Amino acid sequence: MAQEFDEIRNRLEAIAEELADLAIVRLRESIDAGGRELPVDEKRLTRARRAVEKAIHLLREPDEGVF
């Protein structure tokens, strides 16, 4: 079971990186366009990345056997 979690966690880590990269791209585009506020989709991307990071953390925790 641990190996399955490792594989899923690795995929989630890659997704978190993609989300972070995309958020940076959105910020750069906004700055280049002269924007003074954070783009709405950057905030959404950051929230999604944090949710994925929470899932990664949960898959790292030892199995407590509580259901």
PDB file of N, CA and C in Angstrom:
ATOM      1  N   MET A   1       0.833  -1.199   0.000  1.00  0.00           N
ATOM      2  CA  MET A   1       0.000   0.000   0.000  1.00  0.00           C
ATOM      3  C   MET A   1       0.868   1.250   0.000  1.00  0.00           C
ATOM      4  N   ALA A   2       1.981   1.228   0.705  1.00  0.00           N
ATOM      5  CA  ALA A   2       2.847   2.401   0.784  1.00  0.00           C
ATOM      6  C   ALA A   2       3.377   2.783  -0.588  1.00  0.00           C
ATOM      7  N   GLN A   3       3.678   1.801  -1.414  1.00  0.00           N
ATOM      8  CA  GLN A   3       4.189   2.097  -2.755  1.00  0.00           C
ATOM      9  C   GLN A   3       3.124   2.793  -3.597  1.00  0.00           C
ATOM     10  N   GLU A   4       1.879   2.361  -3.455  1.00  0.00           N
ATOM     11  CA  GLU A   4       0.789   3.022  -4.174  1.00  0.00           C
ATOM     12  C   GLU A   4       0.687   4.489  -3.760  1.00  0.00           C
ATOM     13  N   PHE A   5       0.801   4.740  -2.449  1.00  0.00           N
ATOM     14  CA  PHE A   5       0.748   6.110  -1.952  1.00  0.00           C
ATOM     15  C   PHE A   5       1.915   6.927  -2.501  1.00  0.00           C
ATOM     16  N   ASP A   6       3.089   6.310  -2.559  1.00  0.00           N
ATOM     17  CA  ASP A   6       4.274   7.005  -3.092  1.00  0.00           C
ATOM     18  C   ASP A   6       4.051   7.430  -4.536  1.00  0.00           C
ATOM     19  N   GLU A   7       3.465   6.549  -5.332  1.00  0.00           N
ATOM     20  CA  GLU A   7       3.216   6.869  -6.742  1.00  0.00           C
ATOM     21  C   GLU A   7       2.217   8.010  -6.879  1.00  0.00           C
ATOM     22  N   ILE A   8       1.153   7.939  -6.123  1.00  0.00           N
ATOM     23  CA  ILE A   8       0.147   9.010  -6.168  1.00  0.00           C
ATOM     24  C   ILE A   8       0.741  10.315  -5.656  1.00  0.00           C
ATOM     25  N   ARG A   9       1.498  10.233  -4.566  1.00  0.00           N
ATOM     26  CA  ARG A   9       2.124  11.428  -4.007  1.00  0.00           C
ATOM     27  C   ARG A   9       3.070  12.076  -5.015  1.00  0.00           C
ATOM     28  N   ASN A  10       3.828  11.265  -5.734  1.00  0.00           N
ATOM     29  CA  ASN A  10       4.736  11.805  -6.754  1.00  0.00           C
ATOM     30  C   ASN A  10       3.969  12.535  -7.849  1.00  0.00           C
ATOM     31  N   ARG A  11       2.863  11.974  -8.276  1.00  0.00           N
ATOM     32  CA  ARG A  11       2.048  12.645  -9.308  1.00  0.00           C
ATOM     33  C   ARG A  11       1.467  13.950  -8.765  1.00  0.00           C
ATOM     34  N   LEU A  12       1.010  13.924  -7.511  1.00  0.00           N
ATOM     35  CA  LEU A  12       0.466  15.136  -6.906  1.00  0.00           C
ATOM     36  C   LEU A  12       1.538  16.213  -6.759  1.00  0.00           C
ATOM     37  N   GLU A  13       2.755  15.812  -6.425  1.00  0.00           N
ATOM     38  CA  GLU A  13       3.846  16.782  -6.320  1.00  0.00           C
ATOM     39  C   GLU A  13       4.113  17.440  -7.665  1.00  0.00           C
ATOM     40  N   ALA A  14       4.042  16.669  -8.744  1.00  0.00           N
ATOM     41  CA  ALA A  14       4.224  17.239 -10.080  1.00  0.00           C
ATOM     42  C   ALA A  14       3.092  18.208 -10.412  1.00  0.00           C
ATOM     43  N   ILE A  15       1.886  17.862 -10.035  1.00  0.00           N
ATOM     44  CA  ILE A  15       0.734  18.740 -10.271  1.00  0.00           C
ATOM     45  C   ILE A  15       0.876  20.033  -9.479  1.00  0.00           C
ATOM     46  N   ALA A  16       1.325  19.925  -8.228  1.00  0.00           N
ATOM     47  CA  ALA A  16       1.520  21.121  -7.410  1.00  0.00           C
ATOM     48  C   ALA A  16       2.545  22.052  -8.048  1.00  0.00           C
ATOM     49  N   GLU A  17       3.606  21.478  -8.602  1.00  0.00           N
ATOM     50  CA  GLU A  17       4.616  22.292  -9.287  1.00  0.00           C
ATOM     51  C   GLU A  17       4.039  22.966 -10.523  1.00  0.00           C
ATOM     52  N   GLU A  18       3.238  22.227 -11.287  1.00  0.00           N
ATOM     53  CA  GLU A  18       2.611  22.814 -12.473  1.00  0.00           C
ATOM     54  C   GLU A  18       1.706  23.973 -12.092  1.00  0.00           C
ATOM     55  N   LEU A  19       0.932  23.792 -11.037  1.00  0.00           N
ATOM     56  CA  LEU A  19       0.044  24.864 -10.584  1.00  0.00           C
ATOM     57  C   LEU A  19       0.840  26.088 -10.138  1.00  0.00           C
ATOM     58  N   ALA A  20       1.937  25.872  -9.433  1.00  0.00           N
ATOM     59  CA  ALA A  20       2.777  26.985  -8.996  1.00  0.00           C
ATOM     60  C   ALA A  20       3.372  27.713 -10.196  1.00  0.00           C
ATOM     61  N   ASP A  21       3.858  26.951 -11.174  1.00  0.00           N
ATOM     62  CA  ASP A  21       4.430  27.558 -12.382  1.00  0.00           C
ATOM     63  C   ASP A  21       3.389  28.383 -13.130  1.00  0.00           C
ATOM     64  N   LEU A  22       2.193  27.845 -13.253  1.00  0.00           N
ATOM     65  CA  LEU A  22       1.138  28.560 -13.961  1.00  0.00           C
ATOM     66  C   LEU A  22       0.744  29.834 -13.220  1.00  0.00           C
ATOM     67  N   ALA A  23       0.722  29.782 -11.894  1.00  0.00           N
ATOM     68  CA  ALA A  23       0.404  30.982 -11.110  1.00  0.00           C
ATOM     69  C   ALA A  23       1.463  32.056 -11.336  1.00  0.00           C
ATOM     70  N   ILE A  24       2.724  31.656 -11.411  1.00  0.00           N
ATOM     71  CA  ILE A  24       3.802  32.618 -11.668  1.00  0.00           C
ATOM     72  C   ILE A  24       3.652  33.240 -13.049  1.00  0.00           C
ATOM     73  N   VAL A  25       3.285  32.426 -14.021  1.00  0.00           N
ATOM     74  CA  VAL A  25       3.069  32.944 -15.378  1.00  0.00           C
ATOM     75  C   VAL A  25       1.961  33.996 -15.353  1.00  0.00           C
ATOM     76  N   ARG A  26       0.865  33.701 -14.637  1.00  0.00           N
ATOM     77  CA  ARG A  26      -0.253  34.661 -14.552  1.00  0.00           C
ATOM     78  C   ARG A  26       0.203  35.968 -13.898  1.00  0.00           C
ATOM     79  N   LEU A  27       1.010  35.875 -12.857  1.00  0.00           N
ATOM     80  CA  LEU A  27       1.508  37.082 -12.197  1.00  0.00           C
ATOM     81  C   LEU A  27       2.390  37.898 -13.140  1.00  0.00           C
ATOM     82  N   ARG A  28       3.273  37.227 -13.858  1.00  0.00           N
ATOM     83  CA  ARG A  28       4.138  37.932 -14.810  1.00  0.00           C
ATOM     84  C   ARG A  28       3.321  38.611 -15.902  1.00  0.00           C
ATOM     85  N   GLU A  29       2.314  37.912 -16.415  1.00  0.00           N
ATOM     86  CA  GLU A  29       1.461  38.504 -17.445  1.00  0.00           C
ATOM     87  C   GLU A  29       0.756  39.738 -16.917  1.00  0.00           C
ATOM     88  N   SER A  30       0.294  39.671 -15.679  1.00  0.00           N
ATOM     89  CA  SER A  30      -0.396  40.810 -15.083  1.00  0.00           C
ATOM     90  C   SER A  30       0.552  41.992 -14.916  1.00  0.00           C
ATOM     91  N   ILE A  31       1.757  41.713 -14.449  1.00  0.00           N
ATOM     92  CA  ILE A  31       2.753  42.782 -14.270  1.00  0.00           C
ATOM     93  C   ILE A  31       3.115  43.394 -15.611  1.00  0.00           C
ATOM     94  N   ASP A  32       3.335  42.549 -16.610  1.00  0.00           N
ATOM     95  CA  ASP A  32       3.689  43.039 -17.944  1.00  0.00           C
ATOM     96  C   ASP A  32       2.580  43.894 -18.548  1.00  0.00           C
ATOM     97  N   ALA A  33       1.332  43.593 -18.188  1.00  0.00           N
ATOM     98  CA  ALA A  33       0.197  44.355 -18.699  1.00  0.00           C
ATOM     99  C   ALA A  33      -0.069  45.600 -17.864  1.00  0.00           C
ATOM    100  N   GLY A  34       0.749  45.824 -16.834  1.00  0.00           N
ATOM    101  CA  GLY A  34       0.588  47.013 -16.002  1.00  0.00           C
ATOM    102  C   GLY A  34      -0.428  46.858 -14.897  1.00  0.00           C
ATOM    103  N   GLY A  35      -0.815  45.624 -14.620  1.00  0.00           N
ATOM    104  CA  GLY A  35      -1.811  45.380 -13.578  1.00  0.00           C
ATOM    105  C   GLY A  35      -1.300  45.725 -12.200  1.00  0.00           C
ATOM    106  N   ARG A  36      -2.195  46.199 -11.374  1.00  0.00           N
ATOM    107  CA  ARG A  36      -1.830  46.568 -10.010  1.00  0.00           C
ATOM    108  C   ARG A  36      -2.447  45.616  -8.985  1.00  0.00           C
ATOM    109  N   GLU A  37      -3.300  44.702  -9.436  1.00  0.00           N
ATOM    110  CA  GLU A  37      -3.934  43.742  -8.542  1.00  0.00           C
ATOM    111  C   GLU A  37      -3.576  42.335  -8.988  1.00  0.00           C
ATOM    112  N   LEU A  38      -3.670  41.398  -8.051  1.00  0.00           N
ATOM    113  CA  LEU A  38      -3.412  40.005  -8.400  1.00  0.00           C
ATOM    114  C   LEU A  38      -4.507  39.501  -9.337  1.00  0.00           C
ATOM    115  N   PRO A  39      -4.126  38.748 -10.350  1.00  0.00           N
ATOM    116  CA  PRO A  39      -5.144  38.175 -11.229  1.00  0.00           C
ATOM    117  C   PRO A  39      -6.013  37.184 -10.457  1.00  0.00           C
ATOM    118  N   VAL A  40      -7.293  37.155 -10.766  1.00  0.00           N
ATOM    119  CA  VAL A  40      -8.229  36.275 -10.068  1.00  0.00           C
ATOM    120  C   VAL A  40      -7.814  34.819 -10.234  1.00  0.00           C
ATOM    121  N   ASP A  41      -7.415  34.420 -11.431  1.00  0.00           N
ATOM    122  CA  ASP A  41      -7.070  33.017 -11.640  1.00  0.00           C
ATOM    123  C   ASP A  41      -5.787  32.630 -10.910  1.00  0.00           C
ATOM    124  N   GLU A  42      -4.911  33.572 -10.612  1.00  0.00           N
ATOM    125  CA  GLU A  42      -3.703  33.268  -9.832  1.00  0.00           C
ATOM    126  C   GLU A  42      -4.100  32.856  -8.422  1.00  0.00           C
ATOM    127  N   LYS A  43      -5.074  33.546  -7.868  1.00  0.00           N
ATOM    128  CA  LYS A  43      -5.551  33.196  -6.525  1.00  0.00           C
ATOM    129  C   LYS A  43      -6.154  31.794  -6.526  1.00  0.00           C
ATOM    130  N   ARG A  44      -6.910  31.493  -7.558  1.00  0.00           N
ATOM    131  CA  ARG A  44      -7.519  30.166  -7.676  1.00  0.00           C
ATOM    132  C   ARG A  44      -6.469  29.077  -7.822  1.00  0.00           C
ATOM    133  N   LEU A  45      -5.457  29.352  -8.637  1.00  0.00           N
ATOM    134  CA  LEU A  45      -4.375  28.393  -8.835  1.00  0.00           C
ATOM    135  C   LEU A  45      -3.621  28.153  -7.526  1.00  0.00           C
ATOM    136  N   THR A  46      -3.409  29.201  -6.764  1.00  0.00           N
ATOM    137  CA  THR A  46      -2.713  29.070  -5.484  1.00  0.00           C
ATOM    138  C   THR A  46      -3.541  28.254  -4.497  1.00  0.00           C
ATOM    139  N   ARG A  47      -4.836  28.480  -4.464  1.00  0.00           N
ATOM    140  CA  ARG A  47      -5.707  27.694  -3.584  1.00  0.00           C
ATOM    141  C   ARG A  47      -5.703  26.229  -3.990  1.00  0.00           C
ATOM    142  N   ALA A  48      -5.732  25.968  -5.287  1.00  0.00           N
ATOM    143  CA  ALA A  48      -5.698  24.587  -5.774  1.00  0.00           C
ATOM    144  C   ALA A  48      -4.373  23.921  -5.407  1.00  0.00           C
ATOM    145  N   ARG A  49      -3.269  24.659  -5.551  1.00  0.00           N
ATOM    146  CA  ARG A  49      -1.955  24.107  -5.193  1.00  0.00           C
ATOM    147  C   ARG A  49      -1.907  23.757  -3.715  1.00  0.00           C
ATOM    148  N   ARG A  50      -2.452  24.621  -2.881  1.00  0.00           N
ATOM    149  CA  ARG A  50      -2.462  24.343  -1.437  1.00  0.00           C
ATOM    150  C   ARG A  50      -3.293  23.105  -1.115  1.00  0.00           C
ATOM    151  N   ALA A  51      -4.401  22.932  -1.805  1.00  0.00           N
ATOM    152  CA  ALA A  51      -5.233  21.744  -1.588  1.00  0.00           C
ATOM    153  C   ALA A  51      -4.475  20.477  -1.988  1.00  0.00           C
ATOM    154  N   VAL A  52      -3.755  20.547  -3.096  1.00  0.00           N
ATOM    155  CA  VAL A  52      -2.956  19.401  -3.536  1.00  0.00           C
ATOM    156  C   VAL A  52      -1.850  19.124  -2.522  1.00  0.00           C
ATOM    157  N   GLU A  53      -1.235  20.168  -2.000  1.00  0.00           N
ATOM    158  CA  GLU A  53      -0.179  19.990  -0.999  1.00  0.00           C
ATOM    159  C   GLU A  53      -0.725  19.363   0.287  1.00  0.00           C
ATOM    160  N   LYS A  54      -1.973  19.671   0.641  1.00  0.00           N
ATOM    161  CA  LYS A  54      -2.597  19.030   1.801  1.00  0.00           C
ATOM    162  C   LYS A  54      -2.769  17.537   1.547  1.00  0.00           C
ATOM    163  N   ALA A  55      -3.179  17.191   0.337  1.00  0.00           N
ATOM    164  CA  ALA A  55      -3.336  15.779  -0.016  1.00  0.00           C
ATOM    165  C   ALA A  55      -1.989  15.055   0.051  1.00  0.00           C
ATOM    166  N   ILE A  56      -0.940  15.716  -0.414  1.00  0.00           N
ATOM    167  CA  ILE A  56       0.403  15.132  -0.343  1.00  0.00           C
ATOM    168  C   ILE A  56       0.766  14.857   1.113  1.00  0.00           C
ATOM    169  N   HIS A  57       0.498  15.825   1.961  1.00  0.00           N
ATOM    170  CA  HIS A  57       0.810  15.675   3.383  1.00  0.00           C
ATOM    171  C   HIS A  57       0.032  14.509   3.996  1.00  0.00           C
ATOM    172  N   LEU A  58      -1.245  14.393   3.647  1.00  0.00           N
ATOM    173  CA  LEU A  58      -2.066  13.305   4.180  1.00  0.00           C
ATOM    174  C   LEU A  58      -1.534  11.944   3.751  1.00  0.00           C
ATOM    175  N   LEU A  59      -1.017  11.863   2.550  1.00  0.00           N
ATOM    176  CA  LEU A  59      -0.483  10.587   2.065  1.00  0.00           C
ATOM    177  C   LEU A  59       0.876  10.275   2.690  1.00  0.00           C
ATOM    178  N   ARG A  60       1.521  11.250   3.286  1.00  0.00           N
ATOM    179  CA  ARG A  60       2.798  11.025   3.975  1.00  0.00           C
ATOM    180  C   ARG A  60       2.590  10.540   5.400  1.00  0.00           C
ATOM    181  N   GLU A  61       1.436  10.876   5.987  1.00  0.00           N
ATOM    182  CA  GLU A  61       1.180  10.527   7.376  1.00  0.00           C
ATOM    183  C   GLU A  61       1.106   9.014   7.530  1.00  0.00           C
ATOM    184  N   PRO A  62       1.565   8.516   8.669  1.00  0.00           N
ATOM    185  CA  PRO A  62       1.428   7.069   8.910  1.00  0.00           C
ATOM    186  C   PRO A  62      -0.044   6.694   9.041  1.00  0.00           C
ATOM    187  N   ASP A  63      -0.341   5.501   8.614  1.00  0.00           N
ATOM    188  CA  ASP A  63      -1.716   5.006   8.682  1.00  0.00           C
ATOM    189  C   ASP A  63      -2.102   4.812  10.128  1.00  0.00           C
ATOM    190  N   GLU A  64      -3.121   5.550  10.568  1.00  0.00           N
ATOM    191  CA  GLU A  64      -3.530   5.484  11.965  1.00  0.00           C
ATOM    192  C   GLU A  64      -4.633   4.447  12.185  1.00  0.00           C
ATOM    193  N   GLY A  65      -5.165   3.880  11.120  1.00  0.00           N
ATOM    194  CA  GLY A  65      -6.178   2.853  11.254  1.00  0.00           C
ATOM    195  C   GLY A  65      -7.524   3.353  11.768  1.00  0.00           C
ATOM    196  N   VAL A  66      -7.766   4.642  11.634  1.00  0.00           N
ATOM    197  CA  VAL A  66      -9.022   5.224  12.101  1.00  0.00           C
ATOM    198  C   VAL A  66      -9.936   5.445  10.907  1.00  0.00           C
ATOM    199  N   PHE A  67     -11.115   4.832  10.967  1.00  0.00           N
ATOM    200  CA  PHE A  67     -12.117   5.017   9.900  1.00  0.00           C
ATOM    201  C   PHE A  67     -13.470   5.230  10.474  1.00  0.00           C
TER     202      PHE A  67
END
